[in-house]
Amino acid sequence: MTEFSQTYAEATHDSQDQATRAIRKMAPIVPAQNIAGRALVSVVAIMTFLSCLTFGAVTLVRDTASVWENQISREATIQIKPLDGLDMDKALATAAAVAGQFLGVKSTRIVDREATARLLEPWLGTNLDIDKLPVPRLVIVTIDENQPPDFAALRTAITAKLPSANLDDHRTWVDRLVAMAHTTVTIGVAILALMLSATVLTVVFATRGAMAGNGHIIEVLHFVGAEASFIAREFRRQFLITGIKGAASGGLSAIVVFIVFSWWTSRNMATPQADQASALFGNFAIGSAGYLGVFLMVLIIAALTAATTHATVIAYLSDLDQRQTEG
């Protein structure tokens, strides 16, 4: 009879454990419907979308600034202004020959009439006859990045042969553009930090709202001995799922925008305006590093959602313990 009672008690205990586990599985501490589920997912998605767009813009500007800096060390330009009685073709050939004799100059290239006309199309229109206008002509000088020429000596030699010629190494205006790009990157990073901060604050309010809706359950569990880490884990898991859904939606939307915009710009690169934009900003593609950054942004926002929720719950329970002690 004793063995039967013991077996019956063990079976009853196992049944109770299974029932308790089933109840826990069916009725979590933080039911999804008690969280402003869809609204929070939408907010997280919007903040992720804006954060990814900001990150993509920062990546684009940073890469463009790097290209500008590299171009400084690769090319210089000789500009020859037309004068009465000046044989422009001969002047261009002379400038190219003088520059080509200097140590550190790899090659020279004369910008022909057609290329010059294309450069002026955005301002002067098509079918332009540059011979009828006082349009300066250009010679592109490719220089050795590791051993650049003496620009002062090169400028003096060219001016001695051609008084209307001017050597421009682009450093002044490109340095300004690069400084502007770096400022833009700094502003973009600050905006990104503000967006992440806004996301964290949104999650804090959502967590407190969920805890307020389940306050009686949380207090009962806490007072009967449930550890704060257990309660925080339940909240963290639910909000992590919410954060992943919202962040994934926002990140995917941003990737679609980047792909569509890159495709659209590539289809319109045959215009003079597109040539100018390409010279300044590249091809508007963020590259593999940009897409990897979007993926990391999704993970960061999802992790921030879970970590913020955990910290908020722990702080709430600590405050509850303090009030109970004082009372």
Protein backbone atom coordinates (compact mmCIF):
# COMPACT_ATOMS: atom_id res chain seq x y z
CA MET A 1 0.00 0.00 0.00
CA THR A 2 2.91 2.27 0.78
CA GLU A 3 4.50 1.65 -2.60
CA PHE A 4 1.15 2.33 -4.30
CA SER A 5 0.75 5.62 -2.43
CA GLN A 6 4.28 6.65 -3.30
CA THR A 7 3.76 5.78 -6.96
CA TYR A 8 0.44 7.63 -6.99
CA ALA A 9 2.02 10.70 -5.39
CA GLU A 10 4.88 10.71 -7.90
CA ALA A 11 2.44 10.36 -10.80
CA THR A 12 0.31 13.16 -9.40
CA HIS A 13 3.37 15.36 -8.95
CA ASP A 14 4.52 14.67 -12.52
CA SER A 15 1.05 15.49 -13.81
CA GLN A 16 1.05 18.74 -11.90
CA ASP A 17 4.48 19.64 -13.31
CA GLN A 18 3.32 18.91 -16.84
CA ALA A 19 0.18 20.97 -16.31
CA THR A 20 2.21 23.84 -14.91
CA ARG A 21 4.56 23.74 -17.91
CA ALA A 22 1.59 23.63 -20.27
CA ILE A 23 0.00 26.61 -18.54
CA ARG A 24 3.25 28.52 -18.75
CA LYS A 25 3.52 27.73 -22.46
CA MET A 26 -0.07 28.71 -23.18
CA ALA A 27 -0.23 31.75 -20.90
CA PRO A 28 3.06 33.66 -20.85
CA ILE A 29 3.62 36.42 -18.34
CA VAL A 30 3.68 38.98 -21.13
CA PRO A 31 1.00 38.03 -23.66
CA ALA A 32 1.70 39.52 -27.05
CA GLN A 33 -1.75 41.05 -27.23
CA ASN A 34 -1.09 43.02 -24.07
CA ILE A 35 1.74 44.89 -25.75
CA ALA A 36 0.88 47.58 -28.24
CA GLY A 37 2.17 45.01 -30.69
CA ARG A 38 1.48 46.38 -34.11
CA ALA A 39 2.07 49.97 -33.07
CA LEU A 40 5.44 49.15 -31.51
CA VAL A 41 6.49 47.05 -34.51
CA SER A 42 5.57 49.95 -36.77
CA VAL A 43 7.51 52.46 -34.66
CA VAL A 44 10.59 50.23 -34.56
CA ALA A 45 10.29 49.63 -38.32
CA ILE A 46 10.08 53.36 -39.05
CA MET A 47 13.03 54.20 -36.80
CA THR A 48 15.07 51.37 -38.32
CA PHE A 49 14.19 52.53 -41.83
CA LEU A 50 15.28 56.10 -41.08
CA SER A 51 18.42 54.89 -39.30
CA CYS A 52 19.39 52.70 -42.25
CA LEU A 53 18.78 55.54 -44.70
CA THR A 54 20.96 57.81 -42.59
CA PHE A 55 23.67 55.15 -42.38
CA GLY A 56 23.52 54.65 -46.15
CA ALA A 57 23.81 58.38 -46.78
CA VAL A 58 26.77 58.62 -44.40
CA THR A 59 28.43 55.68 -46.15
CA LEU A 60 27.87 57.25 -49.57
CA VAL A 61 29.28 60.62 -48.53
CA ARG A 62 32.26 59.01 -46.78
CA ASP A 63 33.12 56.87 -49.81
CA THR A 64 32.77 59.88 -52.12
CA ALA A 65 35.09 61.93 -49.92
CA SER A 66 37.62 59.10 -50.06
CA VAL A 67 37.39 59.08 -53.87
CA TRP A 68 37.93 62.84 -53.96
CA GLU A 69 41.01 62.54 -51.77
CA ASN A 70 42.42 59.80 -54.01
CA GLN A 71 41.78 61.82 -57.15
CA ILE A 72 43.81 64.69 -55.73
CA SER A 73 46.91 62.53 -55.77
CA ARG A 74 46.26 61.14 -59.28
CA GLU A 75 45.42 64.09 -61.54
CA ALA A 76 46.06 67.76 -62.20
CA THR A 77 44.67 70.02 -64.91
CA ILE A 78 46.32 72.52 -67.23
CA GLN A 79 43.84 75.17 -68.33
CA ILE A 80 44.63 77.26 -71.41
CA LYS A 81 42.58 80.39 -72.04
CA PRO A 82 42.05 81.44 -75.64
CA LEU A 83 43.81 84.61 -76.80
CA ASP A 84 43.82 86.49 -80.09
CA GLY A 85 46.31 84.88 -82.45
CA LEU A 86 46.79 81.82 -80.21
CA ASP A 87 46.85 78.48 -82.01
CA MET A 88 44.92 76.46 -79.45
CA ASP A 89 45.81 73.03 -80.83
CA LYS A 90 49.50 73.89 -80.83
CA ALA A 91 49.23 75.37 -77.33
CA LEU A 92 47.59 72.21 -76.04
CA ALA A 93 50.32 70.06 -77.55
CA THR A 94 53.03 72.31 -76.07
CA ALA A 95 51.51 72.17 -72.59
CA ALA A 96 51.23 68.39 -72.78
CA ALA A 97 54.84 68.09 -73.93
CA VAL A 98 56.16 70.36 -71.17
CA ALA A 99 54.26 68.51 -68.46
CA GLY A 100 55.30 65.12 -69.82
CA GLN A 101 58.99 65.96 -69.34
CA PHE A 102 58.69 66.32 -65.57
CA LEU A 103 59.60 63.52 -63.22
CA GLY A 104 56.46 62.21 -61.49
CA VAL A 105 54.14 62.78 -64.46
CA LYS A 106 52.87 59.49 -65.83
CA SER A 107 50.93 60.74 -68.82
CA THR A 108 49.05 63.68 -70.31
CA ARG A 109 45.75 63.75 -72.16
CA ILE A 110 44.23 66.60 -74.16
CA VAL A 111 40.47 67.01 -73.67
CA ASP A 112 39.14 67.19 -77.23
CA ARG A 113 36.39 69.48 -78.52
CA GLU A 114 33.62 66.91 -78.16
CA ALA A 115 34.48 66.18 -74.54
CA THR A 116 34.71 69.90 -73.76
CA ALA A 117 31.30 70.49 -75.32
CA ARG A 118 29.80 67.70 -73.22
CA LEU A 119 31.16 69.31 -70.06
CA LEU A 120 29.40 72.57 -70.98
CA GLU A 121 26.08 71.06 -72.06
CA PRO A 122 24.36 71.43 -68.64
CA TRP A 123 24.86 75.20 -68.87
CA LEU A 124 25.07 76.07 -72.56
CA GLY A 125 22.95 73.35 -74.15
CA THR A 126 23.65 70.95 -76.99
CA ASN A 127 25.09 71.56 -80.48
CA LEU A 128 27.64 73.95 -79.04
CA ASP A 129 30.42 75.24 -81.31
CA ILE A 130 33.20 75.94 -78.82
CA ASP A 131 35.40 77.52 -81.51
CA LYS A 132 33.04 80.51 -81.57
CA LEU A 133 33.23 81.03 -77.80
CA PRO A 134 36.19 81.94 -75.54
CA VAL A 135 36.13 78.52 -73.91
CA PRO A 136 39.29 77.41 -72.09
CA ARG A 137 40.71 74.05 -73.13
CA LEU A 138 42.10 71.45 -70.78
CA VAL A 139 45.01 69.04 -70.54
CA ILE A 140 44.66 66.27 -67.97
CA VAL A 141 47.95 65.38 -66.26
CA THR A 142 48.17 61.99 -64.57
CA ILE A 143 50.79 62.02 -61.84
CA ASP A 144 52.61 59.42 -59.81
CA GLU A 145 50.92 59.11 -56.42
CA ASN A 146 54.07 57.85 -54.72
CA GLN A 147 56.39 60.44 -56.27
CA PRO A 148 54.41 63.53 -57.31
CA PRO A 149 56.12 66.22 -59.40
CA ASP A 150 57.22 69.64 -58.19
CA PHE A 151 54.01 71.55 -58.92
CA ALA A 152 55.63 74.96 -58.43
CA ALA A 153 58.35 74.19 -60.97
CA LEU A 154 55.82 72.65 -63.36
CA ARG A 155 53.60 75.71 -63.10
CA THR A 156 56.53 78.02 -63.78
CA ALA A 157 57.67 76.01 -66.82
CA ILE A 158 54.20 75.97 -68.35
CA THR A 159 53.62 79.70 -67.75
CA ALA A 160 56.96 80.52 -69.35
CA LYS A 161 55.91 78.76 -72.56
CA LEU A 162 52.21 79.70 -72.43
CA PRO A 163 51.31 82.86 -70.47
CA SER A 164 47.58 82.12 -70.73
CA ALA A 165 47.99 78.63 -69.23
CA ASN A 166 47.34 77.80 -65.60
CA LEU A 167 48.12 74.60 -63.66
CA ASP A 168 45.42 73.57 -61.22
CA ASP A 169 46.13 70.67 -58.85
CA HIS A 170 42.53 70.88 -57.48
CA ARG A 171 43.69 70.88 -53.89
CA THR A 172 41.92 74.05 -52.81
CA TRP A 173 38.38 73.24 -53.92
CA VAL A 174 38.62 69.50 -53.33
CA ASP A 175 39.87 70.10 -49.77
CA ARG A 176 36.79 72.23 -49.19
CA LEU A 177 34.52 69.54 -50.59
CA VAL A 178 36.19 66.88 -48.47
CA ALA A 179 35.84 69.06 -45.36
CA MET A 180 32.16 69.55 -46.18
CA ALA A 181 31.78 65.78 -46.64
CA HIS A 182 33.39 65.08 -43.27
CA THR A 183 31.05 67.60 -41.64
CA THR A 184 28.10 65.87 -43.29
CA VAL A 185 29.29 62.51 -41.97
CA THR A 186 29.55 63.95 -38.44
CA ILE A 187 26.02 65.36 -38.67
CA GLY A 188 24.75 62.02 -40.00
CA VAL A 189 26.32 60.12 -37.12
CA ALA A 190 24.74 62.55 -34.65
CA ILE A 191 21.32 62.07 -36.29
CA LEU A 192 21.79 58.30 -36.17
CA ALA A 193 22.58 58.49 -32.45
CA LEU A 194 19.44 60.56 -31.86
CA MET A 195 17.31 58.03 -33.74
CA LEU A 196 18.70 55.15 -31.69
CA SER A 197 18.07 57.15 -28.51
CA ALA A 198 14.47 57.78 -29.60
CA THR A 199 14.06 54.04 -30.24
CA VAL A 200 15.34 53.22 -26.76
CA LEU A 201 12.95 55.72 -25.15
CA THR A 202 10.04 54.32 -27.17
CA VAL A 203 10.84 50.81 -25.95
CA VAL A 204 11.08 52.09 -22.35
CA PHE A 205 7.58 53.57 -22.55
CA ALA A 206 6.23 50.44 -24.24
CA THR A 207 7.78 48.23 -21.55
CA ARG A 208 6.34 50.33 -18.75
CA GLY A 209 2.95 50.20 -20.46
CA ALA A 210 3.13 46.41 -20.71
CA MET A 211 4.16 46.16 -17.07
CA ALA A 212 1.32 48.43 -16.03
CA GLY A 213 -1.13 46.18 -17.87
CA ASN A 214 0.30 43.10 -16.17
CA GLY A 215 1.23 44.74 -12.87
CA HIS A 216 -0.88 42.45 -10.68
CA ILE A 217 0.65 39.34 -12.25
CA ILE A 218 4.18 40.68 -11.89
CA GLU A 219 3.72 41.67 -8.24
CA VAL A 220 2.23 38.31 -7.32
CA LEU A 221 5.02 36.40 -9.05
CA HIS A 222 7.67 38.61 -7.50
CA PHE A 223 6.28 38.37 -3.97
CA VAL A 224 5.91 34.58 -4.08
CA GLY A 225 9.59 34.24 -4.92
CA ALA A 226 9.98 34.57 -8.68
CA GLU A 227 13.41 36.02 -9.43
CA ALA A 228 13.68 39.35 -11.15
CA SER A 229 15.84 37.77 -13.86
CA PHE A 230 13.05 35.30 -14.68
CA ILE A 231 10.43 38.04 -15.06
CA ALA A 232 12.85 40.23 -17.04
CA ARG A 233 13.65 37.28 -19.30
CA GLU A 234 9.99 36.83 -20.15
CA PHE A 235 9.66 40.49 -21.10
CA ARG A 236 12.98 40.48 -22.94
CA ARG A 237 12.00 37.51 -25.08
CA GLN A 238 8.70 39.06 -26.12
CA PHE A 239 10.19 42.46 -26.89
CA LEU A 240 13.11 40.86 -28.71
CA ILE A 241 10.64 39.19 -31.08
CA THR A 242 8.87 42.52 -31.53
CA GLY A 243 12.16 44.31 -32.15
CA ILE A 244 13.31 41.74 -34.69
CA LYS A 245 10.05 42.02 -36.62
CA GLY A 246 10.13 45.81 -36.70
CA ALA A 247 13.86 46.12 -37.38
CA ALA A 248 13.77 43.50 -40.14
CA SER A 249 10.85 45.26 -41.83
CA GLY A 250 12.55 48.66 -41.67
CA GLY A 251 15.93 47.31 -42.82
CA LEU A 252 14.37 45.42 -45.74
CA SER A 253 12.49 48.56 -46.80
CA ALA A 254 15.72 50.57 -46.71
CA ILE A 255 17.53 47.97 -48.83
CA VAL A 256 14.72 48.09 -51.39
CA VAL A 257 15.02 51.91 -51.52
CA PHE A 258 18.79 51.69 -52.03
CA ILE A 259 18.46 49.10 -54.81
CA VAL A 260 15.69 51.00 -56.62
CA PHE A 261 17.53 54.33 -56.36
CA SER A 262 20.79 52.79 -57.57
CA TRP A 263 18.98 51.17 -60.52
CA TRP A 264 17.18 54.41 -61.36
CA THR A 265 20.38 56.47 -61.35
CA SER A 266 22.19 53.87 -63.47
CA ARG A 267 19.41 54.12 -66.07
CA ASN A 268 19.81 57.92 -66.25
CA MET A 269 23.61 58.18 -66.43
CA ALA A 270 23.61 59.17 -70.12
CA THR A 271 22.67 62.79 -69.43
CA PRO A 272 25.08 65.69 -68.72
CA GLN A 273 23.37 66.33 -65.38
CA ALA A 274 23.98 62.71 -64.40
CA ASP A 275 27.64 63.06 -65.41
CA GLN A 276 28.01 66.02 -63.06
CA ALA A 277 26.24 64.19 -60.23
CA SER A 278 28.37 61.11 -60.83
CA ALA A 279 31.51 63.23 -60.64
CA LEU A 280 30.43 64.56 -57.26
CA PHE A 281 28.69 61.58 -55.64
CA GLY A 282 29.72 58.50 -57.59
CA ASN A 283 27.02 56.10 -58.77
CA PHE A 284 24.78 56.40 -55.68
CA ALA A 285 25.49 52.79 -54.68
CA ILE A 286 26.34 52.07 -51.05
CA GLY A 287 28.20 48.84 -51.87
CA SER A 288 28.57 45.65 -49.86
CA ALA A 289 29.84 47.54 -46.81
CA GLY A 290 26.66 49.63 -46.78
CA TYR A 291 24.38 46.60 -47.00
CA LEU A 292 26.38 44.88 -44.26
CA GLY A 293 25.92 48.02 -42.16
CA VAL A 294 22.15 47.86 -42.70
CA PHE A 295 22.15 44.25 -41.51
CA LEU A 296 24.19 45.21 -38.43
CA MET A 297 21.81 48.11 -37.80
CA VAL A 298 18.89 45.67 -37.72
CA LEU A 299 20.72 43.48 -35.20
CA ILE A 300 21.72 46.48 -33.07
CA ILE A 301 18.17 47.84 -32.88
CA ALA A 302 16.74 44.39 -32.03
CA ALA A 303 19.40 43.94 -29.33
CA LEU A 304 18.76 47.45 -28.00
CA THR A 305 15.06 46.65 -27.76
CA ALA A 306 15.71 43.52 -25.71
CA ALA A 307 18.41 45.11 -23.51
CA THR A 308 16.30 48.20 -22.84
CA THR A 309 13.36 46.05 -21.84
CA HIS A 310 15.51 43.96 -19.50
CA ALA A 311 16.98 47.04 -17.80
CA THR A 312 13.54 48.66 -17.45
CA VAL A 313 12.02 45.56 -15.83
CA ILE A 314 14.95 45.15 -13.41
CA ALA A 315 14.70 48.82 -12.43
CA TYR A 316 10.93 48.49 -11.93
CA LEU A 317 11.29 45.41 -9.70
CA SER A 318 14.10 47.02 -7.70
CA ASP A 319 11.88 50.03 -7.10
CA LEU A 320 9.05 47.67 -6.09
CA ASP A 321 11.30 45.96 -3.55
CA GLN A 322 12.37 49.30 -2.14
CA ARG A 323 8.80 50.47 -1.73
CA GLN A 324 7.88 47.19 -0.07
CA THR A 325 10.82 47.53 2.36
CA GLU A 326 9.96 51.11 3.24
CA GLY A 327 6.32 50.17 3.69
